[in-house]
């Protein structure tokens, strides 16, 4: 067997594999001999079928199979030994006139080579790294929500502006009939609130859907419609009141604190506010970190310049799936995936250049922390090491789950790298201001 490579350019190469008859003949002969022992052919006893007949019936298929195995092994070994960083997989060049009876078989494979490039983390313009804090309004609103959640429902005869109103939305033409519980502060404008205040159980209120809620997503849930269905929806619906309640707020006392956080963890309203802020800011940190990760990723993809073997990758996408794509479909698929492919290469370069590694201990520790956090949500605050070890072992026996955790750790280590080496500026905002600045005032 002989393997040679011709470099077409920096990103494309052709590998030629020459296979001689002696490379596969002994293996083919052995397989056919084994077939002869077990072959069931009418007119012959098992094990006594003429070898010529076995070769005629099975010889070509066995030969092709063995040659393909040899090719795969040879290519993998060659790519490893030559340390070739390829994109996709080698693509066999079509050979319509291949003579399988020849003493020498030659095959050619196209390779797409990974480009060489450098990654510069220090951007000229600083990237914003947000620190999100819980503002006083958020903390006060959360306390009110807690008091409502743990408070008592008291039945009312008529609706007030603070009532919780249960009823049925209906529209026969659109086949809408959905029971909801609502508060009047969700409506847009005071006109709708005025229609409800003073109403009693059994009253039917007619409403226009356009501009009914401050947030269209509230309308989507209220009418049980899809996002597309509520977009621009302008119809009349009726709301039949079935129940009116007032929520009596729970007292901010030790009994409530213990229900929320465990015995004597929180003892005062001031400590409650601190705890709410602490828990909220843990969640905010995850959101801020994800925003930073996204922004640095975007910067790297836009500013790390290198060429790709686009023609090869398009051809590879055309032929690598279960169903072959048309040339146009493959081009479209390549265009959609090019940005993702570029970041995968950049990420791989950063991982190599900065010696970022994930060990089995890293994966196990991460899994145990995840499990511990999940158990805490169900009140199991102090699981034993053995419990965590056993559950982690079960989780990591699933290869997909282990791979997902490994990817999470890589992302976390890359984030730490960005915080250390990228050109960042820190900005502290409340959560409300963060949402306005990053996503717009929605």
Protein backbone atom coordinates (compact mmCIF):
# COMPACT_ATOMS: atom_id res chain seq x y z
CA UNK A 1 0.00 0.00 0.00
CA UNK A 2 1.23 3.49 -0.85
CA UNK A 3 -0.22 6.89 0.12
CA UNK A 4 0.77 10.20 -1.46
CA UNK A 5 -0.59 13.73 -1.10
CA UNK A 6 -0.79 16.61 -3.53
CA UNK A 7 -1.47 20.03 -1.97
CA UNK A 8 -3.74 21.97 -4.33
CA UNK A 9 -3.45 25.12 -2.20
CA UNK A 10 -3.26 26.03 1.51
CA UNK A 11 -6.80 24.76 2.11
CA UNK A 12 -7.24 21.87 -0.31
CA UNK A 13 -5.37 18.65 -0.98
CA UNK A 14 -5.83 15.33 -2.77
CA UNK A 15 -4.65 12.08 -1.17
CA UNK A 16 -4.00 9.09 -3.44
CA UNK A 17 -4.10 5.58 -1.96
CA UNK A 18 -2.65 2.71 -4.00
CA UNK A 19 -3.67 -0.76 -2.81
CA UNK A 20 -1.97 -3.88 -4.16
CA UNK A 21 -3.64 -7.27 -4.40
CA UNK A 22 -1.40 -8.71 -1.66
CA UNK A 23 -2.75 -6.08 0.76
CA UNK A 24 -6.18 -7.72 0.85
CA UNK A 25 -6.11 -11.10 -0.95
CA UNK A 26 -5.28 -13.22 2.12
CA UNK A 27 -8.11 -11.66 4.16
CA UNK A 28 -10.60 -12.03 1.28
CA UNK A 29 -9.59 -15.67 0.79
CA UNK A 30 -10.10 -16.42 4.50
CA UNK A 31 -13.57 -14.84 4.55
CA UNK A 32 -14.64 -16.75 1.43
CA UNK A 33 -13.32 -20.01 2.96
CA UNK A 34 -15.44 -19.35 6.04
CA UNK A 35 -18.45 -18.60 3.80
CA UNK A 36 -17.91 -21.94 2.04
CA UNK A 37 -18.19 -23.78 5.36
CA UNK A 38 -21.59 -22.25 6.15
CA UNK A 39 -23.09 -21.48 2.73
CA UNK A 40 -26.52 -22.97 1.96
CA UNK A 41 -26.75 -23.43 -1.81
CA UNK A 42 -29.37 -25.80 -3.29
CA UNK A 43 -27.84 -29.03 -4.62
CA UNK A 44 -24.80 -28.99 -2.34
CA UNK A 45 -24.20 -30.19 1.18
CA UNK A 46 -23.12 -27.56 3.70
CA UNK A 47 -19.33 -27.21 3.53
CA UNK A 48 -19.05 -28.87 0.11
CA UNK A 49 -19.98 -25.96 -2.17
CA UNK A 50 -17.28 -25.50 -4.87
CA UNK A 51 -14.99 -22.57 -4.11
CA UNK A 52 -15.48 -21.22 -7.59
CA UNK A 53 -19.21 -20.90 -6.98
CA UNK A 54 -18.62 -19.18 -3.62
CA UNK A 55 -16.27 -16.69 -5.27
CA UNK A 56 -18.71 -16.06 -8.09
CA UNK A 57 -21.57 -15.39 -5.66
CA UNK A 58 -19.78 -13.54 -2.84
CA UNK A 59 -16.29 -12.66 -4.10
CA UNK A 60 -16.97 -9.12 -5.44
CA UNK A 61 -18.94 -8.02 -2.35
CA UNK A 62 -16.28 -9.35 0.06
CA UNK A 63 -13.49 -7.73 -1.98
CA UNK A 64 -15.23 -4.32 -2.00
CA UNK A 65 -15.95 -4.53 1.71
CA UNK A 66 -12.37 -5.43 2.64
CA UNK A 67 -10.85 -2.76 0.39
CA UNK A 68 -13.14 -0.12 1.93
CA UNK A 69 -12.04 -1.19 5.43
CA UNK A 70 -8.38 -0.96 4.37
CA UNK A 71 -8.97 2.50 2.89
CA UNK A 72 -10.63 3.78 6.06
CA UNK A 73 -7.88 2.44 8.32
CA UNK A 74 -5.12 3.72 6.03
CA UNK A 75 -6.62 7.20 5.74
CA UNK A 76 -7.17 7.56 9.49
CA UNK A 77 -3.61 6.42 10.21
CA UNK A 78 -2.19 8.74 7.53
CA UNK A 79 -4.08 11.81 8.80
CA UNK A 80 -2.94 11.08 12.35
CA UNK A 81 0.71 10.47 11.47
CA UNK A 82 0.90 13.51 9.19
CA UNK A 83 -0.93 15.60 11.83
CA UNK A 84 -3.30 16.96 9.21
CA UNK A 85 -6.09 19.09 10.65
CA UNK A 86 -8.95 18.43 8.24
CA UNK A 87 -12.46 19.83 8.03
CA UNK A 88 -15.32 17.43 7.48
CA UNK A 89 -14.20 14.01 6.20
CA UNK A 90 -12.15 12.94 3.14
CA UNK A 91 -14.36 12.84 0.04
CA UNK A 92 -13.74 10.01 -2.46
CA UNK A 93 -13.36 11.20 -6.05
CA UNK A 94 -15.80 9.38 -8.37
CA UNK A 95 -14.35 6.41 -10.30
CA UNK A 96 -16.83 4.95 -12.76
CA UNK A 97 -14.23 2.80 -14.59
CA UNK A 98 -12.62 1.09 -11.59
CA UNK A 99 -11.49 -2.45 -12.46
CA UNK A 100 -11.89 -4.53 -9.29
CA UNK A 101 -10.06 -7.47 -10.95
CA UNK A 102 -6.87 -5.45 -11.36
CA UNK A 103 -3.76 -6.31 -9.31
CA UNK A 104 -3.50 -2.66 -8.25
CA UNK A 105 -6.35 -0.38 -7.17
CA UNK A 106 -5.98 3.41 -6.87
CA UNK A 107 -8.31 5.75 -5.02
CA UNK A 108 -8.24 9.52 -4.63
CA UNK A 109 -9.75 11.56 -1.80
CA UNK A 110 -10.29 15.30 -1.56
CA UNK A 111 -9.33 16.94 1.74
CA UNK A 112 -10.42 20.29 3.17
CA UNK A 113 -7.62 21.60 5.37
CA UNK A 114 -8.09 23.76 8.46
CA UNK A 115 -6.70 27.29 7.94
CA UNK A 116 -3.83 28.71 9.94
CA UNK A 117 -4.65 31.92 11.82
CA UNK A 118 -4.08 33.82 15.05
CA UNK A 119 -6.72 34.96 17.55
CA UNK A 120 -6.43 38.42 19.08
CA UNK A 121 -8.52 38.76 22.23
CA UNK A 122 -7.65 42.42 22.86
CA UNK A 123 -10.22 44.39 20.86
CA UNK A 124 -9.56 48.06 20.12
CA UNK A 125 -12.97 48.99 21.45
CA UNK A 126 -13.69 47.67 24.94
CA UNK A 127 -16.47 45.09 25.29
CA UNK A 128 -18.93 45.75 28.12
CA UNK A 129 -18.97 43.30 31.01
CA UNK A 130 -22.17 43.89 32.97
CA UNK A 131 -22.63 43.61 36.71
CA UNK A 132 -26.35 43.34 37.40
CA UNK A 133 -27.61 44.34 40.84
CA UNK A 134 -31.02 43.96 42.44
CA UNK A 135 -32.51 47.43 42.80
CA UNK A 136 -34.74 48.52 45.69
CA UNK A 137 -37.87 48.38 43.51
CA UNK A 138 -37.17 44.80 42.45
CA UNK A 139 -36.57 43.70 46.04
CA UNK A 140 -39.73 45.45 47.28
CA UNK A 141 -41.78 43.94 44.43
CA UNK A 142 -40.41 40.49 45.25
CA UNK A 143 -41.38 40.89 48.90
CA UNK A 144 -44.93 41.83 47.85
CA UNK A 145 -45.05 38.79 45.55
CA UNK A 146 -43.92 36.55 48.43
CA UNK A 147 -46.57 38.06 50.72
CA UNK A 148 -49.23 37.47 48.06
CA UNK A 149 -48.06 33.91 47.40
CA UNK A 150 -48.23 32.97 51.09
CA UNK A 151 -51.22 35.17 51.91
CA UNK A 152 -54.89 34.24 52.16
CA UNK A 153 -57.56 34.56 49.49
CA UNK A 154 -60.69 36.33 50.72
CA UNK A 155 -63.85 36.24 48.62
CA UNK A 156 -65.25 39.61 47.44
CA UNK A 157 -68.70 40.62 46.21
CA UNK A 158 -67.41 43.05 43.61
CA UNK A 159 -64.17 43.86 41.83
CA UNK A 160 -61.76 46.47 43.19
CA UNK A 161 -58.55 47.63 41.49
CA UNK A 162 -56.55 45.18 43.66
CA UNK A 163 -58.78 42.12 43.10
CA UNK A 164 -57.81 38.80 41.58
CA UNK A 165 -60.54 38.07 39.06
CA UNK A 166 -61.21 34.61 37.62
CA UNK A 167 -63.32 34.29 34.50
CA UNK A 168 -63.73 32.92 30.98
CA UNK A 169 -62.58 34.64 27.78
CA UNK A 170 -64.78 33.76 24.78
CA UNK A 171 -65.01 34.44 21.07
CA UNK A 172 -67.10 31.98 19.07
CA UNK A 173 -65.72 32.89 15.63
CA UNK A 174 -62.10 32.23 16.70
CA UNK A 175 -63.21 29.31 18.93
CA UNK A 176 -61.70 30.99 21.97
CA UNK A 177 -62.81 29.75 25.38
CA UNK A 178 -60.22 29.95 28.15
CA UNK A 179 -60.43 30.31 31.93
CA UNK A 180 -57.88 32.65 33.51
CA UNK A 181 -57.18 34.48 36.75
CA UNK A 182 -56.00 38.04 36.22
CA UNK A 183 -55.11 41.23 38.03
CA UNK A 184 -56.13 44.60 36.62
CA UNK A 185 -52.60 46.02 36.60
CA UNK A 186 -51.78 43.83 33.59
CA UNK A 187 -54.19 45.77 31.35
CA UNK A 188 -52.97 48.66 29.21
CA UNK A 189 -54.63 51.94 30.12
CA UNK A 190 -57.23 52.80 32.75
CA UNK A 191 -60.31 52.38 30.54
CA UNK A 192 -60.26 48.57 30.84
CA UNK A 193 -59.71 48.75 34.60
CA UNK A 194 -62.82 50.97 34.92
CA UNK A 195 -64.91 48.31 33.12
CA UNK A 196 -63.97 45.77 35.80
CA UNK A 197 -64.14 47.87 38.99
CA UNK A 198 -67.55 47.37 40.60
CA UNK A 199 -68.42 44.30 38.49
CA UNK A 200 -69.86 41.18 40.18
CA UNK A 201 -69.78 37.40 39.63
CA UNK A 202 -71.81 36.57 36.51
CA UNK A 203 -71.20 39.94 34.83
CA UNK A 204 -70.03 39.79 31.19
CA UNK A 205 -67.50 42.40 30.06
CA UNK A 206 -66.82 43.02 26.36
CA UNK A 207 -63.23 43.87 25.47
CA UNK A 208 -61.20 44.62 22.34
CA UNK A 209 -58.02 42.57 22.02
CA UNK A 210 -56.01 45.31 20.31
CA UNK A 211 -53.95 47.08 22.97
CA UNK A 212 -55.69 45.14 25.76
CA UNK A 213 -52.52 44.14 27.63
CA UNK A 214 -49.26 46.02 28.17
CA UNK A 215 -47.43 42.89 27.05
CA UNK A 216 -48.79 40.94 24.05
CA UNK A 217 -47.51 37.72 25.60
CA UNK A 218 -50.11 38.20 28.36
CA UNK A 219 -52.80 38.22 25.66
CA UNK A 220 -51.32 35.06 24.15
CA UNK A 221 -51.65 33.21 27.47
CA UNK A 222 -55.03 34.76 28.31
CA UNK A 223 -56.61 33.58 25.04
CA UNK A 224 -54.49 30.42 24.71
CA UNK A 225 -53.34 31.36 21.20
CA UNK A 226 -49.96 31.13 19.48
CA UNK A 227 -47.59 34.04 19.02
CA UNK A 228 -48.50 34.26 15.32
CA UNK A 229 -52.23 34.16 16.07
CA UNK A 230 -52.16 37.09 18.51
CA UNK A 231 -49.89 39.23 16.33
CA UNK A 232 -52.06 42.15 15.19
CA UNK A 233 -55.22 40.44 16.54
CA UNK A 234 -58.11 42.94 16.59
CA UNK A 235 -61.36 41.26 17.67
CA UNK A 236 -63.94 41.52 20.45
CA UNK A 237 -63.93 38.99 23.28
CA UNK A 238 -66.21 38.59 26.27
CA UNK A 239 -65.02 37.97 29.81
CA UNK A 240 -67.54 36.29 32.13
CA UNK A 241 -66.60 36.73 35.80
CA UNK A 242 -66.80 33.50 37.81
CA UNK A 243 -64.89 34.41 40.97
CA UNK A 244 -63.60 37.55 42.74
CA UNK A 245 -60.98 37.42 45.47
CA UNK A 246 -58.81 39.73 47.48
CA UNK A 247 -55.33 38.61 48.44
CA UNK A 248 -54.56 39.30 52.09
CA UNK A 249 -50.80 39.73 52.38
CA UNK A 250 -48.88 37.36 54.64
CA UNK A 251 -47.15 38.86 57.65
CA UNK A 252 -43.38 39.30 57.38
CA UNK A 253 -42.69 37.24 60.48
CA UNK A 254 -40.43 34.39 61.57
CA UNK A 255 -42.94 31.76 60.49
CA UNK A 256 -42.81 33.06 56.90
CA UNK A 257 -39.02 33.43 56.95
CA UNK A 258 -38.63 29.81 58.10
CA UNK A 259 -40.98 28.59 55.35
CA UNK A 260 -38.91 30.39 52.76
CA UNK A 261 -35.34 29.68 53.84
CA UNK A 262 -35.32 27.12 56.66
CA UNK A 263 -35.33 27.65 60.41
CA UNK A 264 -33.62 30.84 61.63
CA UNK A 265 -31.69 31.41 58.37
CA UNK A 266 -33.39 34.81 58.07
CA UNK A 267 -34.65 36.69 61.15
CA UNK A 268 -35.42 40.25 60.03
CA UNK A 269 -36.89 42.11 57.05
CA UNK A 270 -33.43 43.59 56.41
CA UNK A 271 -31.97 40.07 56.24
CA UNK A 272 -34.85 39.04 53.98
CA UNK A 273 -33.97 41.84 51.56
CA UNK A 274 -30.30 40.83 51.63
CA UNK A 275 -31.23 37.22 50.91
CA UNK A 276 -33.54 38.16 48.02
CA UNK A 277 -30.82 40.38 46.55
CA UNK A 278 -28.18 37.66 46.96
CA UNK A 279 -30.32 34.98 45.29
CA UNK A 280 -31.38 37.31 42.48
CA UNK A 281 -27.83 38.45 41.76
CA UNK A 282 -26.65 34.85 41.42
CA UNK A 283 -29.16 34.47 38.60
CA UNK A 284 -28.21 37.87 37.17
CA UNK A 285 -24.54 36.84 37.09
CA UNK A 286 -25.41 33.90 34.85
CA UNK A 287 -27.28 36.23 32.50
CA UNK A 288 -24.46 38.80 32.48
CA UNK A 289 -21.87 36.07 31.86
CA UNK A 290 -23.90 34.69 28.95
CA UNK A 291 -24.17 38.19 27.48
CA UNK A 292 -20.38 38.62 27.76
CA UNK A 293 -19.78 35.20 26.21
CA UNK A 294 -22.08 36.09 23.30
CA UNK A 295 -20.47 39.51 22.77
CA UNK A 296 -16.89 38.18 22.81
CA UNK A 297 -17.92 35.35 20.47
CA UNK A 298 -19.46 37.88 18.08
CA UNK A 299 -16.32 40.03 18.21
CA UNK A 300 -14.03 37.05 17.55
CA UNK A 301 -16.06 35.78 14.58
CA UNK A 302 -16.23 39.26 13.03
CA UNK A 303 -12.57 40.16 13.59
CA UNK A 304 -10.63 36.91 13.19
CA UNK A 305 -10.01 36.74 9.47
CA UNK A 306 -9.20 33.51 7.63
CA UNK A 307 -10.33 31.68 4.50
CA UNK A 308 -12.19 28.38 4.46
CA UNK A 309 -12.25 25.65 1.80
CA UNK A 310 -15.81 26.67 0.97
CA UNK A 311 -16.16 24.66 -2.24
CA UNK A 312 -14.97 21.48 -0.51
CA UNK A 313 -17.22 22.03 2.53
CA UNK A 314 -20.24 22.66 0.30
CA UNK A 315 -19.54 19.41 -1.55
CA UNK A 316 -19.01 17.59 1.76
CA UNK A 317 -22.35 18.88 3.11
CA UNK A 318 -24.01 17.79 -0.12
CA UNK A 319 -22.84 14.19 0.30
CA UNK A 320 -22.35 13.57 4.04
CA UNK A 321 -25.97 13.37 5.24
CA UNK A 322 -28.39 10.47 5.06
CA UNK A 323 -30.06 12.10 2.06
CA UNK A 324 -27.96 13.75 -0.63
CA UNK A 325 -28.63 17.48 -1.02
CA UNK A 326 -28.87 19.35 -4.29
CA UNK A 327 -26.02 21.72 -5.08
CA UNK A 328 -28.27 24.69 -4.25
CA UNK A 329 -29.38 23.14 -0.94
CA UNK A 330 -25.75 22.42 0.00
CA UNK A 331 -24.70 26.02 -0.74
CA UNK A 332 -27.55 27.29 1.41
CA UNK A 333 -26.61 24.90 4.23
CA UNK A 334 -22.98 26.02 4.08
CA UNK A 335 -23.93 29.70 4.25
CA UNK A 336 -26.12 29.03 7.28
CA UNK A 337 -23.41 27.10 9.13
CA UNK A 338 -20.31 29.11 8.12
CA UNK A 339 -20.44 31.45 11.13
CA UNK A 340 -20.80 28.53 13.54
CA UNK A 341 -17.93 26.69 11.84
CA UNK A 342 -15.71 29.75 12.09
CA UNK A 343 -16.34 30.02 15.82
CA UNK A 344 -15.67 26.29 16.32
CA UNK A 345 -12.25 26.79 14.71
CA UNK A 346 -11.56 29.93 16.77
CA UNK A 347 -12.65 28.15 19.95
CA UNK A 348 -10.43 25.18 19.13
CA UNK A 349 -7.47 27.51 18.56
CA UNK A 350 -8.06 29.28 21.90
CA UNK A 351 -8.34 25.94 23.70
CA UNK A 352 -5.06 24.72 22.17
CA UNK A 353 -3.13 27.98 22.57
CA UNK A 354 -4.18 28.39 26.20
CA UNK A 355 -3.91 24.70 27.13
CA UNK A 356 -7.54 24.54 28.27
CA UNK A 357 -8.33 21.01 29.41
CA UNK A 358 -11.30 19.22 30.94
CA UNK A 359 -10.49 16.25 33.16
CA UNK A 360 -12.82 13.51 34.32
CA UNK A 361 -12.54 14.99 37.83
CA UNK A 362 -13.74 18.35 36.44
CA UNK A 363 -16.76 16.67 34.87
CA UNK A 364 -17.57 14.68 38.01
CA UNK A 365 -17.25 17.73 40.29
CA UNK A 366 -19.46 19.80 37.98
CA UNK A 367 -22.08 17.04 37.88
CA UNK A 368 -22.08 16.78 41.69
CA UNK A 369 -22.55 20.55 42.06
CA UNK A 370 -25.48 20.46 39.62
CA UNK A 371 -27.06 17.54 41.49
CA UNK A 372 -26.55 19.24 44.86
CA UNK A 373 -28.26 22.41 43.60
CA UNK A 374 -31.19 20.42 42.21
CA UNK A 375 -31.60 18.48 45.47
CA UNK A 376 -31.59 21.76 47.43
CA UNK A 377 -34.62 22.90 45.41
CA UNK A 378 -36.52 19.96 46.87
CA UNK A 379 -35.40 20.63 50.44
CA UNK A 380 -32.50 18.14 50.53
CA UNK A 381 -29.88 20.55 51.79
CA UNK A 382 -27.11 18.20 52.96
CA UNK A 383 -26.81 15.10 50.77
CA UNK A 384 -23.96 12.73 51.67
CA UNK A 385 -20.87 12.38 49.47
CA UNK A 386 -21.92 8.80 48.67
CA UNK A 387 -25.36 9.98 47.46
CA UNK A 388 -23.74 12.58 45.20
CA UNK A 389 -21.16 10.10 43.91
CA UNK A 390 -23.81 7.49 43.08
CA UNK A 391 -26.13 9.94 41.31
CA UNK A 392 -23.21 11.51 39.40
CA UNK A 393 -22.08 8.06 38.25
CA UNK A 394 -25.58 7.37 36.87
CA UNK A 395 -25.75 10.76 35.15
CA UNK A 396 -22.30 10.41 33.57
CA UNK A 397 -23.03 6.90 32.30
CA UNK A 398 -25.08 8.75 29.67
CA UNK A 399 -22.47 9.84 27.10
CA UNK A 400 -24.63 12.69 25.79
CA UNK A 401 -25.00 14.09 29.30
CA UNK A 402 -21.26 13.76 29.99
CA UNK A 403 -20.51 15.55 26.69
CA UNK A 404 -22.97 18.33 27.55
CA UNK A 405 -21.33 18.88 30.94
CA UNK A 406 -17.88 18.89 29.33
CA UNK A 407 -19.05 21.60 26.90
CA UNK A 408 -20.42 23.66 29.82
CA UNK A 409 -17.03 23.47 31.57
CA UNK A 410 -15.21 24.50 28.38
CA UNK A 411 -17.53 27.51 28.05
CA UNK A 412 -16.87 28.43 31.68
CA UNK A 413 -13.09 28.18 31.20
CA UNK A 414 -13.27 30.26 28.03
CA UNK A 415 -15.32 32.86 29.91
CA UNK A 416 -12.61 33.01 32.58
CA UNK A 417 -10.02 33.45 29.80
CA UNK A 418 -12.03 36.31 28.26
CA UNK A 419 -12.37 38.04 31.64
CA UNK A 420 -8.61 37.77 32.11
CA UNK A 421 -7.35 38.71 28.64
CA UNK A 422 -10.05 40.51 26.65
CA UNK A 423 -10.39 44.31 26.60
CA UNK A 424 -13.39 44.74 28.90
CA UNK A 425 -15.09 47.65 30.64
CA UNK A 426 -17.35 46.99 33.62
CA UNK A 427 -20.78 48.53 33.88
CA UNK A 428 -23.11 48.15 36.87
CA UNK A 429 -26.87 48.29 36.26
CA UNK A 430 -30.09 47.25 37.90
CA UNK A 431 -31.82 44.35 36.18
CA UNK A 432 -34.49 46.66 34.74
CA UNK A 433 -31.85 48.99 33.23
CA UNK A 434 -29.87 45.99 31.93
CA UNK A 435 -32.95 44.71 30.06
CA UNK A 436 -33.60 48.18 28.60
CA UNK A 437 -30.01 48.66 27.48
CA UNK A 438 -29.39 45.21 26.08
CA UNK A 439 -32.77 44.18 24.68
CA UNK A 440 -34.57 47.50 24.32
CA UNK A 441 -37.48 48.83 26.36
CA UNK A 442 -39.99 46.03 25.77
